[in-house]
Amino acid sequence: MTSRYSAWRKSTRSDDGNCVEVASADDGTVGVRDSKDVIGPMLEFRPATWSAFTGAIRAGKFSR
């Protein structure tokens, strides 16, 4: 099985164990997976949805 995602990356703030990785497909779709289980399940987000989510994070909408 060939993945449509390449260049998976994780945050420079992540530690050695509890991380997610993200990658973009040619159509702009964003894939999100667990860095410890790279062949396991993956979530996919449309570009607008991912932008809204990351924008809300930057705006502090999910702060405790």
PDB file of N, CA and C in Angstrom:
ATOM      1  N   MET A   1       0.845  -1.186   0.000  1.00  0.00           N
ATOM      2  CA  MET A   1       0.000   0.000   0.000  1.00  0.00           C
ATOM      3  C   MET A   1       0.885   1.242   0.000  1.00  0.00           C
ATOM      4  N   THR A   2       0.660   2.118  -0.929  1.00  0.00           N
ATOM      5  CA  THR A   2       1.417   3.356  -1.014  1.00  0.00           C
ATOM      6  C   THR A   2       0.600   4.479  -0.400  1.00  0.00           C
ATOM      7  N   SER A   3       1.206   5.214   0.482  1.00  0.00           N
ATOM      8  CA  SER A   3       0.523   6.331   1.118  1.00  0.00           C
ATOM      9  C   SER A   3       0.538   7.547   0.206  1.00  0.00           C
ATOM     10  N   ARG A   4      -0.522   8.303   0.232  1.00  0.00           N
ATOM     11  CA  ARG A   4      -0.546   9.545  -0.536  1.00  0.00           C
ATOM     12  C   ARG A   4       0.125  10.671   0.226  1.00  0.00           C
ATOM     13  N   TYR A   5       0.588  10.360   1.431  1.00  0.00           N
ATOM     14  CA  TYR A   5       1.286  11.338   2.263  1.00  0.00           C
ATOM     15  C   TYR A   5       2.776  11.042   2.283  1.00  0.00           C
ATOM     16  N   SER A   6       3.553  12.084   2.269  1.00  0.00           N
ATOM     17  CA  SER A   6       4.993  11.935   2.432  1.00  0.00           C
ATOM     18  C   SER A   6       5.461  13.028   3.382  1.00  0.00           C
ATOM     19  N   ALA A   7       6.666  12.943   3.792  1.00  0.00           N
ATOM     20  CA  ALA A   7       7.264  13.958   4.672  1.00  0.00           C
ATOM     21  C   ALA A   7       6.463  14.166   5.953  1.00  0.00           C
ATOM     22  N   TRP A   8       6.181  13.075   6.643  1.00  0.00           N
ATOM     23  CA  TRP A   8       5.512  13.184   7.944  1.00  0.00           C
ATOM     24  C   TRP A   8       6.411  13.969   8.877  1.00  0.00           C
ATOM     25  N   ARG A   9       5.806  14.818   9.704  1.00  0.00           N
ATOM     26  CA  ARG A   9       6.590  15.637  10.641  1.00  0.00           C
ATOM     27  C   ARG A   9       5.864  15.723  11.969  1.00  0.00           C
ATOM     28  N   LYS A  10       6.646  15.949  13.021  1.00  0.00           N
ATOM     29  CA  LYS A  10       6.044  16.166  14.337  1.00  0.00           C
ATOM     30  C   LYS A  10       6.601  17.439  14.921  1.00  0.00           C
ATOM     31  N   SER A  11       5.931  17.954  15.902  1.00  0.00           N
ATOM     32  CA  SER A  11       6.316  19.209  16.520  1.00  0.00           C
ATOM     33  C   SER A  11       7.704  19.113  17.140  1.00  0.00           C
ATOM     34  N   THR A  12       8.436  20.184  17.049  1.00  0.00           N
ATOM     35  CA  THR A  12       9.736  20.232  17.720  1.00  0.00           C
ATOM     36  C   THR A  12       9.557  20.266  19.232  1.00  0.00           C
ATOM     37  N   ARG A  13       8.356  20.531  19.701  1.00  0.00           N
ATOM     38  CA  ARG A  13       8.065  20.546  21.139  1.00  0.00           C
ATOM     39  C   ARG A  13       7.675  19.172  21.677  1.00  0.00           C
ATOM     40  N   SER A  14       7.555  18.192  20.817  1.00  0.00           N
ATOM     41  CA  SER A  14       7.133  16.869  21.274  1.00  0.00           C
ATOM     42  C   SER A  14       8.282  16.147  21.961  1.00  0.00           C
ATOM     43  N   ASP A  15       7.905  15.232  22.862  1.00  0.00           N
ATOM     44  CA  ASP A  15       8.933  14.442  23.533  1.00  0.00           C
ATOM     45  C   ASP A  15       9.125  13.128  22.770  1.00  0.00           C
ATOM     46  N   ASP A  16       9.808  12.180  23.369  1.00  0.00           N
ATOM     47  CA  ASP A  16      10.130  10.938  22.676  1.00  0.00           C
ATOM     48  C   ASP A  16       8.987   9.930  22.600  1.00  0.00           C
ATOM     49  N   GLY A  17       7.860  10.194  23.224  1.00  0.00           N
ATOM     50  CA  GLY A  17       6.850   9.157  23.231  1.00  0.00           C
ATOM     51  C   GLY A  17       5.451   9.560  22.854  1.00  0.00           C
ATOM     52  N   ASN A  18       4.972  10.688  23.308  1.00  0.00           N
ATOM     53  CA  ASN A  18       3.568  11.058  23.144  1.00  0.00           C
ATOM     54  C   ASN A  18       3.403  12.101  22.053  1.00  0.00           C
ATOM     55  N   CYS A  19       3.429  11.656  20.804  1.00  0.00           N
ATOM     56  CA  CYS A  19       3.435  12.602  19.692  1.00  0.00           C
ATOM     57  C   CYS A  19       2.426  12.218  18.619  1.00  0.00           C
ATOM     58  N   VAL A  20       2.024  13.199  17.881  1.00  0.00           N
ATOM     59  CA  VAL A  20       1.309  12.957  16.637  1.00  0.00           C
ATOM     60  C   VAL A  20       2.169  13.508  15.514  1.00  0.00           C
ATOM     61  N   GLU A  21       1.968  12.955  14.331  1.00  0.00           N
ATOM     62  CA  GLU A  21       2.663  13.430  13.151  1.00  0.00           C
ATOM     63  C   GLU A  21       1.624  13.917  12.153  1.00  0.00           C
ATOM     64  N   VAL A  22       1.994  14.897  11.365  1.00  0.00           N
ATOM     65  CA  VAL A  22       1.105  15.414  10.331  1.00  0.00           C
ATOM     66  C   VAL A  22       1.836  15.421   8.990  1.00  0.00           C
ATOM     67  N   ALA A  23       1.055  15.313   7.929  1.00  0.00           N
ATOM     68  CA  ALA A  23       1.593  15.394   6.575  1.00  0.00           C
ATOM     69  C   ALA A  23       0.490  15.885   5.654  1.00  0.00           C
ATOM     70  N   SER A  24       0.895  16.482   4.553  1.00  0.00           N
ATOM     71  CA  SER A  24      -0.062  16.985   3.571  1.00  0.00           C
ATOM     72  C   SER A  24      -0.004  16.151   2.300  1.00  0.00           C
ATOM     73  N   ALA A  25      -1.168  15.937   1.705  1.00  0.00           N
ATOM     74  CA  ALA A  25      -1.263  15.267   0.407  1.00  0.00           C
ATOM     75  C   ALA A  25      -1.252  16.334  -0.682  1.00  0.00           C
ATOM     76  N   ASP A  26      -1.097  15.897  -1.912  1.00  0.00           N
ATOM     77  CA  ASP A  26      -1.064  16.833  -3.038  1.00  0.00           C
ATOM     78  C   ASP A  26      -2.325  17.676  -3.150  1.00  0.00           C
ATOM     79  N   ASP A  27      -3.467  17.142  -2.725  1.00  0.00           N
ATOM     80  CA  ASP A  27      -4.714  17.894  -2.815  1.00  0.00           C
ATOM     81  C   ASP A  27      -4.953  18.807  -1.609  1.00  0.00           C
ATOM     82  N   GLY A  28      -3.979  18.873  -0.693  1.00  0.00           N
ATOM     83  CA  GLY A  28      -4.089  19.743   0.475  1.00  0.00           C
ATOM     84  C   GLY A  28      -4.657  19.064   1.704  1.00  0.00           C
ATOM     85  N   THR A  29      -5.167  17.842   1.552  1.00  0.00           N
ATOM     86  CA  THR A  29      -5.676  17.105   2.699  1.00  0.00           C
ATOM     87  C   THR A  29      -4.554  16.885   3.700  1.00  0.00           C
ATOM     88  N   VAL A  30      -4.886  16.982   4.988  1.00  0.00           N
ATOM     89  CA  VAL A  30      -3.891  16.805   6.047  1.00  0.00           C
ATOM     90  C   VAL A  30      -4.160  15.489   6.762  1.00  0.00           C
ATOM     91  N   GLY A  31      -3.122  14.674   6.860  1.00  0.00           N
ATOM     92  CA  GLY A  31      -3.207  13.416   7.592  1.00  0.00           C
ATOM     93  C   GLY A  31      -2.587  13.580   8.971  1.00  0.00           C
ATOM     94  N   VAL A  32      -3.171  12.929   9.953  1.00  0.00           N
ATOM     95  CA  VAL A  32      -2.668  12.972  11.328  1.00  0.00           C
ATOM     96  C   VAL A  32      -2.597  11.537  11.828  1.00  0.00           C
ATOM     97  N   ARG A  33      -1.447  11.153  12.397  1.00  0.00           N
ATOM     98  CA  ARG A  33      -1.287   9.792  12.903  1.00  0.00           C
ATOM     99  C   ARG A  33      -0.468   9.797  14.187  1.00  0.00           C
ATOM    100  N   ASP A  34      -0.506   8.696  14.889  1.00  0.00           N
ATOM    101  CA  ASP A  34       0.272   8.487  16.099  1.00  0.00           C
ATOM    102  C   ASP A  34       1.694   8.117  15.694  1.00  0.00           C
ATOM    103  N   SER A  35       2.678   8.828  16.203  1.00  0.00           N
ATOM    104  CA  SER A  35       4.061   8.574  15.812  1.00  0.00           C
ATOM    105  C   SER A  35       4.556   7.202  16.274  1.00  0.00           C
ATOM    106  N   LYS A  36       3.890   6.606  17.252  1.00  0.00           N
ATOM    107  CA  LYS A  36       4.297   5.286  17.747  1.00  0.00           C
ATOM    108  C   LYS A  36       3.650   4.153  16.954  1.00  0.00           C
ATOM    109  N   ASP A  37       2.683   4.459  16.098  1.00  0.00           N
ATOM    110  CA  ASP A  37       1.956   3.440  15.347  1.00  0.00           C
ATOM    111  C   ASP A  37       1.748   3.942  13.925  1.00  0.00           C
ATOM    112  N   VAL A  38       2.829   4.026  13.177  1.00  0.00           N
ATOM    113  CA  VAL A  38       2.779   4.672  11.861  1.00  0.00           C
ATOM    114  C   VAL A  38       1.990   3.887  10.815  1.00  0.00           C
ATOM    115  N   ILE A  39       1.703   2.606  11.072  1.00  0.00           N
ATOM    116  CA  ILE A  39       0.863   1.856  10.130  1.00  0.00           C
ATOM    117  C   ILE A  39      -0.560   1.697  10.658  1.00  0.00           C
ATOM    118  N   GLY A  40      -0.832   2.289  11.797  1.00  0.00           N
ATOM    119  CA  GLY A  40      -2.153   2.210  12.409  1.00  0.00           C
ATOM    120  C   GLY A  40      -3.119   3.212  11.811  1.00  0.00           C
ATOM    121  N   PRO A  41      -4.206   3.482  12.510  1.00  0.00           N
ATOM    122  CA  PRO A  41      -5.224   4.395  11.990  1.00  0.00           C
ATOM    123  C   PRO A  41      -4.693   5.820  11.812  1.00  0.00           C
ATOM    124  N   MET A  42      -5.328   6.520  10.908  1.00  0.00           N
ATOM    125  CA  MET A  42      -4.938   7.893  10.602  1.00  0.00           C
ATOM    126  C   MET A  42      -6.215   8.707  10.405  1.00  0.00           C
ATOM    127  N   LEU A  43      -6.180   9.944  10.836  1.00  0.00           N
ATOM    128  CA  LEU A  43      -7.280  10.870  10.586  1.00  0.00           C
ATOM    129  C   LEU A  43      -6.933  11.724   9.379  1.00  0.00           C
ATOM    130  N   GLU A  44      -7.931  12.113   8.603  1.00  0.00           N
ATOM    131  CA  GLU A  44      -7.723  13.002   7.467  1.00  0.00           C
ATOM    132  C   GLU A  44      -8.652  14.206   7.598  1.00  0.00           C
ATOM    133  N   PHE A  45      -8.104  15.369   7.306  1.00  0.00           N
ATOM    134  CA  PHE A  45      -8.860  16.613   7.406  1.00  0.00           C
ATOM    135  C   PHE A  45      -8.768  17.387   6.097  1.00  0.00           C
ATOM    136  N   ARG A  46      -9.876  17.993   5.722  1.00  0.00           N
ATOM    137  CA  ARG A  46      -9.854  18.904   4.570  1.00  0.00           C
ATOM    138  C   ARG A  46      -9.041  20.134   4.950  1.00  0.00           C
ATOM    139  N   PRO A  47      -8.451  20.802   3.976  1.00  0.00           N
ATOM    140  CA  PRO A  47      -7.604  21.968   4.275  1.00  0.00           C
ATOM    141  C   PRO A  47      -8.298  23.043   5.116  1.00  0.00           C
ATOM    142  N   ALA A  48      -9.539  23.376   4.796  1.00  0.00           N
ATOM    143  CA  ALA A  48     -10.246  24.426   5.546  1.00  0.00           C
ATOM    144  C   ALA A  48     -10.499  24.006   6.990  1.00  0.00           C
ATOM    145  N   THR A  49     -10.815  22.743   7.189  1.00  0.00           N
ATOM    146  CA  THR A  49     -11.058  22.234   8.539  1.00  0.00           C
ATOM    147  C   THR A  49      -9.776  22.278   9.361  1.00  0.00           C
ATOM    148  N   TRP A  50      -8.662  21.849   8.767  1.00  0.00           N
ATOM    149  CA  TRP A  50      -7.379  21.863   9.466  1.00  0.00           C
ATOM    150  C   TRP A  50      -6.976  23.306   9.804  1.00  0.00           C
ATOM    151  N   SER A  51      -7.163  24.220   8.882  1.00  0.00           N
ATOM    152  CA  SER A  51      -6.831  25.633   9.134  1.00  0.00           C
ATOM    153  C   SER A  51      -7.662  26.204  10.274  1.00  0.00           C
ATOM    154  N   ALA A  52      -8.949  25.874  10.294  1.00  0.00           N
ATOM    155  CA  ALA A  52      -9.806  26.359  11.382  1.00  0.00           C
ATOM    156  C   ALA A  52      -9.353  25.776  12.720  1.00  0.00           C
ATOM    157  N   PHE A  53      -9.011  24.500  12.744  1.00  0.00           N
ATOM    158  CA  PHE A  53      -8.561  23.843  13.971  1.00  0.00           C
ATOM    159  C   PHE A  53      -7.251  24.451  14.477  1.00  0.00           C
ATOM    160  N   THR A  54      -6.254  24.557  13.615  1.00  0.00           N
ATOM    161  CA  THR A  54      -4.966  25.110  14.064  1.00  0.00           C
ATOM    162  C   THR A  54      -5.081  26.595  14.404  1.00  0.00           C
ATOM    163  N   GLY A  55      -5.960  27.309  13.714  1.00  0.00           N
ATOM    164  CA  GLY A  55      -6.197  28.713  14.064  1.00  0.00           C
ATOM    165  C   GLY A  55      -6.815  28.854  15.450  1.00  0.00           C
ATOM    166  N   ALA A  56      -7.738  27.962  15.776  1.00  0.00           N
ATOM    167  CA  ALA A  56      -8.355  27.990  17.104  1.00  0.00           C
ATOM    168  C   ALA A  56      -7.330  27.657  18.195  1.00  0.00           C
ATOM    169  N   ILE A  57      -6.425  26.735  17.900  1.00  0.00           N
ATOM    170  CA  ILE A  57      -5.358  26.440  18.863  1.00  0.00           C
ATOM    171  C   ILE A  57      -4.506  27.677  19.106  1.00  0.00           C
ATOM    172  N   ARG A  58      -4.084  28.326  18.021  1.00  0.00           N
ATOM    173  CA  ARG A  58      -3.241  29.524  18.154  1.00  0.00           C
ATOM    174  C   ARG A  58      -3.961  30.644  18.903  1.00  0.00           C
ATOM    175  N   ALA A  59      -5.284  30.700  18.763  1.00  0.00           N
ATOM    176  CA  ALA A  59      -6.075  31.753  19.421  1.00  0.00           C
ATOM    177  C   ALA A  59      -6.382  31.411  20.883  1.00  0.00           C
ATOM    178  N   GLY A  60      -5.958  30.237  21.329  1.00  0.00           N
ATOM    179  CA  GLY A  60      -6.186  29.848  22.726  1.00  0.00           C
ATOM    180  C   GLY A  60      -7.572  29.327  23.025  1.00  0.00           C
ATOM    181  N   LYS A  61      -8.305  28.922  22.014  1.00  0.00           N
ATOM    182  CA  LYS A  61      -9.672  28.445  22.214  1.00  0.00           C
ATOM    183  C   LYS A  61      -9.750  27.143  23.007  1.00  0.00           C
ATOM    184  N   PHE A  62      -8.659  26.405  23.076  1.00  0.00           N
ATOM    185  CA  PHE A  62      -8.659  25.122  23.778  1.00  0.00           C
ATOM    186  C   PHE A  62      -7.842  25.167  25.061  1.00  0.00           C
ATOM    187  N   SER A  63      -7.511  26.350  25.520  1.00  0.00           N
ATOM    188  CA  SER A  63      -6.726  26.469  26.757  1.00  0.00           C
ATOM    189  C   SER A  63      -7.561  26.026  27.949  1.00  0.00           C
ATOM    190  N   ARG A  64      -6.881  25.486  28.926  1.00  0.00           N
ATOM    191  CA  ARG A  64      -7.581  25.040  30.141  1.00  0.00           C
ATOM    192  C   ARG A  64      -7.916  26.190  31.022  1.00  0.00           C
TER     193      ARG A  64
END
